[in-house]
Amino acid sequence: MNVKQSLLWRDCFFLIYSAMKAIPILAFCLVLNPVMGQGISAIVDHSTNPGEVLMEFDTRSPEIKGSYYLFNDWQKGDFMLKSGASINDQWLNYDVEYDLIEVKLDKEVKIVPLSMLKEFHTADSEHENQFFRPCDNYFHDQKVPMVGICEVLDSNYYGLISKFDTDIKESTYIPALDMGKKDDELVVIEKFYLTKGNRAIEIPKKKQNFIQLYPHRTDLISFLKEQKLNHKNQDDLLIILDFLNEEQHLQ
């Protein structure tokens, strides 16, 4: 074998040896590539949009805002207990959630539970001459007493009351759009009822159903038409009730 052939065999051996060492490295790279594509690239993508990462892993607990008090602030008023005792000219507010009056004194706040309360009044520039009483003075059709506190808007035989309750207004926040309110809100809701004596009736949505509640007043239809009154409007409804009670007062 001459020198040229020896060099050729050496080069061939070197190439074969190099290729054999490269096979494990190539196999490792082929396995690692999809893993990196699924893991490392995802991390890099999120790091370029930190807002997206924060929204995805936001563990903050929403707060409940709002108030379960009937009034926005303390009101001057009077109240009477079922025992017959009267307490006048006090700063008070009503807790609708727990059904009790809170009375603010000089250095402390006293409470009066609904079970002891006969009625209470407020009289200020915003809530002039409001009159409240426990709702259990009124009954549903099945003789089931109502619960909670009611404002008496018309105390005649054909009357009107409003009942107060609390509810949670849920958050409207949409993370993807970064829009809406993030916190739940506690709200006081008011619902109106017609009364016949001590019977409470939900106000019908349809005029015809409303008229059928007072079959003895055959002139009610013409009165509504002439006066252009809507029974679903509170001011109009009070006018209608005055009209209905005219005959009752004459009896």
C-alpha atoms as a PDB file:
ATOM      1  CA  MET A   1       0.000   0.000   0.000  1.00  0.00           C
ATOM      2  CA  ASN A   2       1.505   3.335  -1.051  1.00  0.00           C
ATOM      3  CA  VAL A   3       1.330   6.632   0.836  1.00  0.00           C
ATOM      4  CA  LYS A   4      -1.666   7.966  -1.173  1.00  0.00           C
ATOM      5  CA  GLN A   5      -3.783   4.879  -0.353  1.00  0.00           C
ATOM      6  CA  SER A   6      -2.869   5.123   3.343  1.00  0.00           C
ATOM      7  CA  LEU A   7      -4.054   8.741   3.496  1.00  0.00           C
ATOM      8  CA  LEU A   8      -7.325   7.821   1.721  1.00  0.00           C
ATOM      9  CA  TRP A   9      -8.097   5.035   4.247  1.00  0.00           C
ATOM     10  CA  ARG A  10      -7.319   7.413   7.156  1.00  0.00           C
ATOM     11  CA  ASP A  11      -9.743  10.035   5.831  1.00  0.00           C
ATOM     12  CA  CYS A  12     -12.513   7.436   5.362  1.00  0.00           C
ATOM     13  CA  PHE A  13     -12.067   6.113   8.908  1.00  0.00           C
ATOM     14  CA  PHE A  14     -12.227   9.645  10.328  1.00  0.00           C
ATOM     15  CA  LEU A  15     -15.478  10.376   8.479  1.00  0.00           C
ATOM     16  CA  ILE A  16     -17.103   7.116   9.658  1.00  0.00           C
ATOM     17  CA  TYR A  17     -15.997   7.761  13.264  1.00  0.00           C
ATOM     18  CA  SER A  18     -17.360  11.340  13.192  1.00  0.00           C
ATOM     19  CA  ALA A  19     -20.703  10.204  11.784  1.00  0.00           C
ATOM     20  CA  MET A  20     -21.113   7.548  14.507  1.00  0.00           C
ATOM     21  CA  LYS A  21     -20.544  10.192  17.242  1.00  0.00           C
ATOM     22  CA  ALA A  22     -23.056  12.560  15.639  1.00  0.00           C
ATOM     23  CA  ILE A  23     -25.981  10.068  15.642  1.00  0.00           C
ATOM     24  CA  PRO A  24     -26.718  10.257  19.443  1.00  0.00           C
ATOM     25  CA  ILE A  25     -26.431  14.057  19.384  1.00  0.00           C
ATOM     26  CA  LEU A  26     -28.821  14.250  16.430  1.00  0.00           C
ATOM     27  CA  ALA A  27     -31.331  11.940  18.138  1.00  0.00           C
ATOM     28  CA  PHE A  28     -31.190  14.047  21.336  1.00  0.00           C
ATOM     29  CA  CYS A  29     -31.841  17.220  19.369  1.00  0.00           C
ATOM     30  CA  LEU A  30     -34.829  15.649  17.591  1.00  0.00           C
ATOM     31  CA  VAL A  31     -36.385  14.711  20.959  1.00  0.00           C
ATOM     32  CA  LEU A  32     -35.607  18.055  22.627  1.00  0.00           C
ATOM     33  CA  ASN A  33     -36.972  20.218  19.811  1.00  0.00           C
ATOM     34  CA  PRO A  34     -40.755  19.579  20.369  1.00  0.00           C
ATOM     35  CA  VAL A  35     -40.309  19.868  24.144  1.00  0.00           C
ATOM     36  CA  MET A  36     -38.697  23.258  23.757  1.00  0.00           C
ATOM     37  CA  GLY A  37     -41.414  24.256  21.313  1.00  0.00           C
ATOM     38  CA  GLN A  38     -44.123  23.398  23.849  1.00  0.00           C
ATOM     39  CA  GLY A  39     -42.415  24.710  26.965  1.00  0.00           C
ATOM     40  CA  ILE A  40     -39.720  27.304  26.494  1.00  0.00           C
ATOM     41  CA  SER A  41     -41.398  29.040  23.564  1.00  0.00           C
ATOM     42  CA  ALA A  42     -44.660  29.325  25.568  1.00  0.00           C
ATOM     43  CA  ILE A  43     -42.808  30.971  28.424  1.00  0.00           C
ATOM     44  CA  VAL A  44     -41.207  33.404  26.050  1.00  0.00           C
ATOM     45  CA  ASP A  45     -44.587  34.188  24.476  1.00  0.00           C
ATOM     46  CA  HIS A  46     -46.146  34.959  27.857  1.00  0.00           C
ATOM     47  CA  SER A  47     -43.203  37.071  28.930  1.00  0.00           C
ATOM     48  CA  THR A  48     -43.737  39.293  25.915  1.00  0.00           C
ATOM     49  CA  ASN A  49     -47.323  39.901  27.087  1.00  0.00           C
ATOM     50  CA  PRO A  50     -47.163  40.174  30.892  1.00  0.00           C
ATOM     51  CA  GLY A  51     -50.725  41.531  30.979  1.00  0.00           C
ATOM     52  CA  GLU A  52     -52.027  38.234  29.628  1.00  0.00           C
ATOM     53  CA  VAL A  53     -50.102  36.282  32.250  1.00  0.00           C
ATOM     54  CA  LEU A  54     -51.462  38.497  35.054  1.00  0.00           C
ATOM     55  CA  MET A  55     -55.046  38.070  33.864  1.00  0.00           C
ATOM     56  CA  GLU A  56     -54.660  34.292  33.558  1.00  0.00           C
ATOM     57  CA  PHE A  57     -53.286  33.858  37.081  1.00  0.00           C
ATOM     58  CA  ASP A  58     -55.138  36.701  38.849  1.00  0.00           C
ATOM     59  CA  THR A  59     -56.037  35.270  42.290  1.00  0.00           C
ATOM     60  CA  ARG A  60     -57.379  38.456  43.869  1.00  0.00           C
ATOM     61  CA  SER A  61     -60.700  38.046  45.724  1.00  0.00           C
ATOM     62  CA  PRO A  62     -63.386  40.555  44.690  1.00  0.00           C
ATOM     63  CA  GLU A  63     -64.703  42.885  47.382  1.00  0.00           C
ATOM     64  CA  ILE A  64     -68.358  43.483  48.092  1.00  0.00           C
ATOM     65  CA  LYS A  65     -69.138  47.186  47.990  1.00  0.00           C
ATOM     66  CA  GLY A  66     -72.338  49.095  48.631  1.00  0.00           C
ATOM     67  CA  SER A  67     -74.512  49.312  51.732  1.00  0.00           C
ATOM     68  CA  TYR A  68     -77.411  47.395  53.282  1.00  0.00           C
ATOM     69  CA  TYR A  69     -78.786  50.522  55.002  1.00  0.00           C
ATOM     70  CA  LEU A  70     -82.114  51.981  53.967  1.00  0.00           C
ATOM     71  CA  PHE A  71     -80.772  55.557  53.930  1.00  0.00           C
ATOM     72  CA  ASN A  72     -77.471  56.912  52.664  1.00  0.00           C
ATOM     73  CA  ASP A  73     -76.951  58.728  55.974  1.00  0.00           C
ATOM     74  CA  TRP A  74     -78.470  59.056  59.448  1.00  0.00           C
ATOM     75  CA  GLN A  75     -82.004  60.492  59.460  1.00  0.00           C
ATOM     76  CA  LYS A  76     -83.871  62.379  62.158  1.00  0.00           C
ATOM     77  CA  GLY A  77     -86.937  60.406  63.132  1.00  0.00           C
ATOM     78  CA  ASP A  78     -89.285  58.936  65.710  1.00  0.00           C
ATOM     79  CA  PHE A  79     -90.199  55.329  66.427  1.00  0.00           C
ATOM     80  CA  MET A  80     -92.707  53.448  68.526  1.00  0.00           C
ATOM     81  CA  LEU A  81     -92.214  50.059  70.140  1.00  0.00           C
ATOM     82  CA  LYS A  82     -94.860  47.341  70.376  1.00  0.00           C
ATOM     83  CA  SER A  83     -94.787  47.917  74.136  1.00  0.00           C
ATOM     84  CA  GLY A  84     -96.263  51.375  73.505  1.00  0.00           C
ATOM     85  CA  ALA A  85     -93.096  53.328  74.296  1.00  0.00           C
ATOM     86  CA  SER A  86     -92.195  56.179  71.923  1.00  0.00           C
ATOM     87  CA  ILE A  87     -88.681  57.504  71.230  1.00  0.00           C
ATOM     88  CA  ASN A  88     -88.635  60.835  69.428  1.00  0.00           C
ATOM     89  CA  ASP A  89     -86.177  63.055  67.606  1.00  0.00           C
ATOM     90  CA  GLN A  90     -83.334  60.573  67.223  1.00  0.00           C
ATOM     91  CA  TRP A  91     -80.688  60.004  64.558  1.00  0.00           C
ATOM     92  CA  LEU A  92     -81.512  56.626  63.047  1.00  0.00           C
ATOM     93  CA  ASN A  93     -81.020  54.315  60.087  1.00  0.00           C
ATOM     94  CA  TYR A  94     -82.482  50.950  59.183  1.00  0.00           C
ATOM     95  CA  ASP A  95     -80.382  47.834  58.528  1.00  0.00           C
ATOM     96  CA  VAL A  96     -82.324  45.957  55.809  1.00  0.00           C
ATOM     97  CA  GLU A  97     -80.005  42.940  55.912  1.00  0.00           C
ATOM     98  CA  TYR A  98     -80.563  42.175  59.623  1.00  0.00           C
ATOM     99  CA  ASP A  99     -83.939  43.949  60.054  1.00  0.00           C
ATOM    100  CA  LEU A 100     -83.209  46.356  62.880  1.00  0.00           C
ATOM    101  CA  ILE A 101     -83.121  50.084  63.595  1.00  0.00           C
ATOM    102  CA  GLU A 102     -79.795  51.596  64.570  1.00  0.00           C
ATOM    103  CA  VAL A 103     -80.043  54.670  66.811  1.00  0.00           C
ATOM    104  CA  LYS A 104     -76.990  56.940  67.046  1.00  0.00           C
ATOM    105  CA  LEU A 105     -76.472  58.423  70.499  1.00  0.00           C
ATOM    106  CA  ASP A 106     -73.646  60.685  71.663  1.00  0.00           C
ATOM    107  CA  LYS A 107     -71.068  57.971  72.286  1.00  0.00           C
ATOM    108  CA  GLU A 108     -72.662  54.746  71.089  1.00  0.00           C
ATOM    109  CA  VAL A 109     -75.124  53.131  68.721  1.00  0.00           C
ATOM    110  CA  LYS A 110     -78.135  51.242  70.055  1.00  0.00           C
ATOM    111  CA  ILE A 111     -80.201  48.746  68.074  1.00  0.00           C
ATOM    112  CA  VAL A 112     -83.913  47.945  68.041  1.00  0.00           C
ATOM    113  CA  PRO A 113     -84.838  44.611  66.377  1.00  0.00           C
ATOM    114  CA  LEU A 114     -87.835  44.466  64.075  1.00  0.00           C
ATOM    115  CA  SER A 115     -89.626  42.100  66.469  1.00  0.00           C
ATOM    116  CA  MET A 116     -89.900  44.983  68.986  1.00  0.00           C
ATOM    117  CA  LEU A 117     -90.820  47.687  66.482  1.00  0.00           C
ATOM    118  CA  LYS A 118     -94.341  48.903  65.807  1.00  0.00           C
ATOM    119  CA  GLU A 119     -93.507  51.739  63.356  1.00  0.00           C
ATOM    120  CA  PHE A 120     -91.081  54.566  62.663  1.00  0.00           C
ATOM    121  CA  HIS A 121     -91.121  57.902  60.851  1.00  0.00           C
ATOM    122  CA  THR A 122     -88.509  60.114  59.272  1.00  0.00           C
ATOM    123  CA  ALA A 123     -88.920  63.767  58.368  1.00  0.00           C
ATOM    124  CA  ASP A 124     -86.079  65.572  56.649  1.00  0.00           C
ATOM    125  CA  SER A 125     -85.534  67.510  53.430  1.00  0.00           C
ATOM    126  CA  GLU A 126     -84.789  64.368  51.392  1.00  0.00           C
ATOM    127  CA  HIS A 127     -87.218  61.871  52.941  1.00  0.00           C
ATOM    128  CA  GLU A 128     -90.124  64.031  54.051  1.00  0.00           C
ATOM    129  CA  ASN A 129     -92.672  62.318  56.295  1.00  0.00           C
ATOM    130  CA  GLN A 130     -91.812  58.738  55.415  1.00  0.00           C
ATOM    131  CA  PHE A 131     -93.732  56.141  57.424  1.00  0.00           C
ATOM    132  CA  PHE A 132     -92.504  52.561  57.902  1.00  0.00           C
ATOM    133  CA  ARG A 133     -93.947  49.527  59.651  1.00  0.00           C
ATOM    134  CA  PRO A 134     -93.155  45.785  59.823  1.00  0.00           C
ATOM    135  CA  CYS A 135     -94.387  43.978  56.715  1.00  0.00           C
ATOM    136  CA  ASP A 136     -96.063  41.265  58.814  1.00  0.00           C
ATOM    137  CA  ASN A 137     -99.038  43.636  59.093  1.00  0.00           C
ATOM    138  CA  TYR A 138     -99.829  42.520  55.513  1.00  0.00           C
ATOM    139  CA  PHE A 139    -100.621  39.103  54.059  1.00  0.00           C
ATOM    140  CA  HIS A 140    -100.329  37.409  50.704  1.00  0.00           C
ATOM    141  CA  ASP A 141    -103.335  35.687  49.131  1.00  0.00           C
ATOM    142  CA  GLN A 142    -102.626  32.454  51.024  1.00  0.00           C
ATOM    143  CA  LYS A 143    -102.771  34.342  54.349  1.00  0.00           C
ATOM    144  CA  VAL A 144     -98.994  34.143  54.570  1.00  0.00           C
ATOM    145  CA  PRO A 145     -97.574  37.201  56.366  1.00  0.00           C
ATOM    146  CA  MET A 146     -94.918  39.239  54.640  1.00  0.00           C
ATOM    147  CA  VAL A 147     -91.498  39.713  56.226  1.00  0.00           C
ATOM    148  CA  GLY A 148     -89.093  42.607  56.613  1.00  0.00           C
ATOM    149  CA  ILE A 149     -89.816  46.342  56.648  1.00  0.00           C
ATOM    150  CA  CYS A 150     -92.338  48.188  54.450  1.00  0.00           C
ATOM    151  CA  GLU A 151     -92.904  51.844  53.672  1.00  0.00           C
ATOM    152  CA  VAL A 152     -96.559  52.837  53.727  1.00  0.00           C
ATOM    153  CA  LEU A 153     -97.155  55.133  50.744  1.00  0.00           C
ATOM    154  CA  ASP A 154    -100.963  55.146  50.989  1.00  0.00           C
ATOM    155  CA  SER A 155    -102.591  53.976  54.207  1.00  0.00           C
ATOM    156  CA  ASN A 156    -106.215  54.000  52.990  1.00  0.00           C
ATOM    157  CA  TYR A 157    -108.216  50.794  52.497  1.00  0.00           C
ATOM    158  CA  TYR A 158    -107.056  50.714  48.865  1.00  0.00           C
ATOM    159  CA  GLY A 159    -103.420  51.488  49.528  1.00  0.00           C
ATOM    160  CA  LEU A 160     -99.837  51.128  48.419  1.00  0.00           C
ATOM    161  CA  ILE A 161     -96.717  49.879  50.193  1.00  0.00           C
ATOM    162  CA  SER A 162     -93.139  49.197  49.169  1.00  0.00           C
ATOM    163  CA  LYS A 163     -91.085  46.348  50.584  1.00  0.00           C
ATOM    164  CA  PHE A 164     -87.295  46.485  50.970  1.00  0.00           C
ATOM    165  CA  ASP A 165     -84.789  43.653  50.575  1.00  0.00           C
ATOM    166  CA  THR A 166     -81.083  43.292  49.898  1.00  0.00           C
ATOM    167  CA  ASP A 167     -79.376  41.583  46.989  1.00  0.00           C
ATOM    168  CA  ILE A 168     -75.902  41.099  45.540  1.00  0.00           C
ATOM    169  CA  LYS A 169     -75.244  42.755  42.195  1.00  0.00           C
ATOM    170  CA  GLU A 170     -72.537  40.564  40.704  1.00  0.00           C
ATOM    171  CA  SER A 171     -69.385  41.833  39.047  1.00  0.00           C
ATOM    172  CA  THR A 172     -69.588  42.568  35.324  1.00  0.00           C
ATOM    173  CA  TYR A 173     -65.821  42.535  34.766  1.00  0.00           C
ATOM    174  CA  ILE A 174     -64.557  40.819  31.578  1.00  0.00           C
ATOM    175  CA  PRO A 175     -60.774  40.170  31.874  1.00  0.00           C
ATOM    176  CA  ALA A 176     -60.247  39.680  28.144  1.00  0.00           C
ATOM    177  CA  LEU A 177     -61.642  43.161  27.443  1.00  0.00           C
ATOM    178  CA  ASP A 178     -60.603  44.772  30.741  1.00  0.00           C
ATOM    179  CA  MET A 179     -64.102  46.228  31.011  1.00  0.00           C
ATOM    180  CA  GLY A 180     -66.841  46.340  33.631  1.00  0.00           C
ATOM    181  CA  LYS A 181     -66.998  46.533  37.438  1.00  0.00           C
ATOM    182  CA  LYS A 182     -64.569  44.224  39.253  1.00  0.00           C
ATOM    183  CA  ASP A 183     -66.383  44.131  42.593  1.00  0.00           C
ATOM    184  CA  ASP A 184     -69.721  42.682  43.633  1.00  0.00           C
ATOM    185  CA  GLU A 185     -72.112  45.266  45.064  1.00  0.00           C
ATOM    186  CA  LEU A 186     -74.627  44.972  47.875  1.00  0.00           C
ATOM    187  CA  VAL A 187     -77.816  46.843  46.954  1.00  0.00           C
ATOM    188  CA  VAL A 188     -81.168  47.599  48.577  1.00  0.00           C
ATOM    189  CA  ILE A 189     -84.070  46.779  46.262  1.00  0.00           C
ATOM    190  CA  GLU A 190     -87.632  48.068  46.514  1.00  0.00           C
ATOM    191  CA  LYS A 191     -90.789  46.303  45.361  1.00  0.00           C
ATOM    192  CA  PHE A 192     -94.283  47.824  45.319  1.00  0.00           C
ATOM    193  CA  TYR A 193     -97.552  46.183  46.389  1.00  0.00           C
ATOM    194  CA  LEU A 194    -101.159  47.277  46.266  1.00  0.00           C
ATOM    195  CA  THR A 195    -103.136  46.722  49.466  1.00  0.00           C
ATOM    196  CA  LYS A 196    -106.790  45.951  50.190  1.00  0.00           C
ATOM    197  CA  GLY A 197    -107.094  46.285  53.923  1.00  0.00           C
ATOM    198  CA  ASN A 198    -104.260  44.052  55.151  1.00  0.00           C
ATOM    199  CA  ARG A 199    -103.973  42.034  51.940  1.00  0.00           C
ATOM    200  CA  ALA A 200    -100.898  42.752  49.747  1.00  0.00           C
ATOM    201  CA  ILE A 201    -101.041  42.263  45.970  1.00  0.00           C
ATOM    202  CA  GLU A 202     -98.235  42.607  43.444  1.00  0.00           C
ATOM    203  CA  ILE A 203     -98.935  45.376  40.945  1.00  0.00           C
ATOM    204  CA  PRO A 204    -100.079  43.739  37.674  1.00  0.00           C
ATOM    205  CA  LYS A 205     -98.106  44.590  34.560  1.00  0.00           C
ATOM    206  CA  LYS A 206    -101.177  44.689  32.318  1.00  0.00           C
ATOM    207  CA  LYS A 207    -103.778  47.442  32.681  1.00  0.00           C
ATOM    208  CA  GLN A 208    -106.667  45.009  32.259  1.00  0.00           C
ATOM    209  CA  ASN A 209    -105.455  42.867  35.149  1.00  0.00           C
ATOM    210  CA  PHE A 210    -105.105  45.980  37.297  1.00  0.00           C
ATOM    211  CA  ILE A 211    -108.687  47.070  36.525  1.00  0.00           C
ATOM    212  CA  GLN A 212    -109.996  43.602  37.450  1.00  0.00           C
ATOM    213  CA  LEU A 213    -108.732  44.122  41.017  1.00  0.00           C
ATOM    214  CA  TYR A 214    -111.449  46.758  41.507  1.00  0.00           C
ATOM    215  CA  PRO A 215    -114.578  45.320  39.831  1.00  0.00           C
ATOM    216  CA  HIS A 216    -116.907  47.528  41.908  1.00  0.00           C
ATOM    217  CA  ARG A 217    -115.575  50.667  40.170  1.00  0.00           C
ATOM    218  CA  THR A 218    -117.095  50.413  36.728  1.00  0.00           C
ATOM    219  CA  ASP A 219    -115.980  53.978  36.017  1.00  0.00           C
ATOM    220  CA  LEU A 220    -112.278  53.181  36.536  1.00  0.00           C
ATOM    221  CA  ILE A 221    -111.607  52.564  32.823  1.00  0.00           C
ATOM    222  CA  SER A 222    -113.025  55.927  31.775  1.00  0.00           C
ATOM    223  CA  PHE A 223    -111.165  57.679  34.614  1.00  0.00           C
ATOM    224  CA  LEU A 224    -107.809  56.246  33.499  1.00  0.00           C
ATOM    225  CA  LYS A 225    -108.524  57.233  29.912  1.00  0.00           C
ATOM    226  CA  GLU A 226    -109.675  60.764  30.669  1.00  0.00           C
ATOM    227  CA  GLN A 227    -106.815  61.521  33.061  1.00  0.00           C
ATOM    228  CA  LYS A 228    -104.227  59.693  30.914  1.00  0.00           C
ATOM    229  CA  LEU A 229    -102.926  57.748  33.915  1.00  0.00           C
ATOM    230  CA  ASN A 230    -100.564  54.787  33.951  1.00  0.00           C
ATOM    231  CA  HIS A 231    -100.971  52.410  36.898  1.00  0.00           C
ATOM    232  CA  LYS A 232     -97.256  51.468  36.677  1.00  0.00           C
ATOM    233  CA  ASN A 233     -96.201  55.047  37.416  1.00  0.00           C
ATOM    234  CA  GLN A 234     -96.063  55.690  41.168  1.00  0.00           C
ATOM    235  CA  ASP A 235     -97.395  59.267  41.047  1.00  0.00           C
ATOM    236  CA  ASP A 236    -100.229  58.228  38.729  1.00  0.00           C
ATOM    237  CA  LEU A 237    -100.982  55.233  40.907  1.00  0.00           C
ATOM    238  CA  LEU A 238    -101.450  57.418  43.990  1.00  0.00           C
ATOM    239  CA  ILE A 239    -103.974  59.534  42.049  1.00  0.00           C
ATOM    240  CA  ILE A 240    -105.830  56.365  41.021  1.00  0.00           C
ATOM    241  CA  LEU A 241    -105.945  55.150  44.637  1.00  0.00           C
ATOM    242  CA  ASP A 242    -107.358  58.494  45.801  1.00  0.00           C
ATOM    243  CA  PHE A 243    -110.098  58.033  43.218  1.00  0.00           C
ATOM    244  CA  LEU A 244    -110.794  54.466  44.385  1.00  0.00           C
ATOM    245  CA  ASN A 245    -110.940  55.505  48.040  1.00  0.00           C
ATOM    246  CA  GLU A 246    -113.479  58.282  47.458  1.00  0.00           C
ATOM    247  CA  GLU A 247    -116.337  55.768  47.485  1.00  0.00           C
ATOM    248  CA  GLN A 248    -114.813  53.939  50.454  1.00  0.00           C
ATOM    249  CA  HIS A 249    -114.835  57.149  52.513  1.00  0.00           C
ATOM    250  CA  LEU A 250    -118.516  57.743  51.712  1.00  0.00           C
ATOM    251  CA  GLN A 251    -119.576  54.342  53.048  1.00  0.00           C
END
